[in-house]
Amino acid sequence: MSDAVTLQLPLSLSLRDDASFENFYASIINKGVIAQIEKSVIADISEGSIYLWGAESAGKTHLLEAVCQSAAKLNLSAAYVPLKYSQDFKTSILDNLETCHLICIDDVDTIAGQDVWEQALFYLYNRAYERGAQMIFSATQNVKDSNIALADLVSRLGWGFVFHIQALSDDDKAAALQLRARLRGFDLPDKVVNYLLRRFPRDMSALFGLLEELDKASLTAKRKLTVPFVKQWFDDKENFLHS
């Protein structure tokens, strides 16, 4: 096995360094998903493929990238393929992936109805299954609602574990933001969290991106994150964009 993550990406993409299990805030209902992924890959107890589905902002990509990072630390080869970019590469990207210990296919339902891709995934699944490779898929819809036309592929995707990644409640989103802040080395007061959740879109990817910007701005200004500071930062940004 390779001692590094095998990125099957002919694009200028890479796994995010900050994608880990440690900074993934899992609500109580999602903790079982994390446990099964860790058991299947880290403890190397494969009991079948794993299919994760849920809203776009539920954290599925984070989990797939995190498990690839974990596999690399264990000197296990891993492949990560984001199918939402499938228009930029050919199905040959799936060739020989069955030789990897771990195969992560993100956004599998984005190729629904594309016969060439569906066939390629079906044959990859069969090859990987025969070799005992661990497969993890993500989608926004449950298997039966994925609009994948190839019945045999739908059947394969439903063979193993199917988990619904639940969206975070507002309280969970607040806790997730504060966890991310602590891991970045600063405290995020409740008042600031509440302001961000009221003032900005509640998509977690967008909120984490906003948190990173605010962290950098506070470091530059040598000021703590407070509601007045965030308001001023946002006003300055708006004025700059419209100047």
Foldseek 3Di string as FASTA:
>chain_A
DALAEDELDPDPDDQDPPQAPQLDQADPQCPVVVVVLCCCQVVVPNPAEEEEAADPLLCPSSVLSHSSVVCSNVRFYEYEAECVCVVVDDLCSLPPRLVGQEYEYEAVLVCAPVVRNLVSVLVSLVSNVVSVHYYYYYHHDWLVPSNRDPPSSSVRNPPGHYYYRDHDDLVSLLVSLQSLQVVVPAGDDPQNSVCCPVPDDSRSVVVVVVSVVVVVVCVVVVHHDDPVVVVVVVVVVVVVVVD
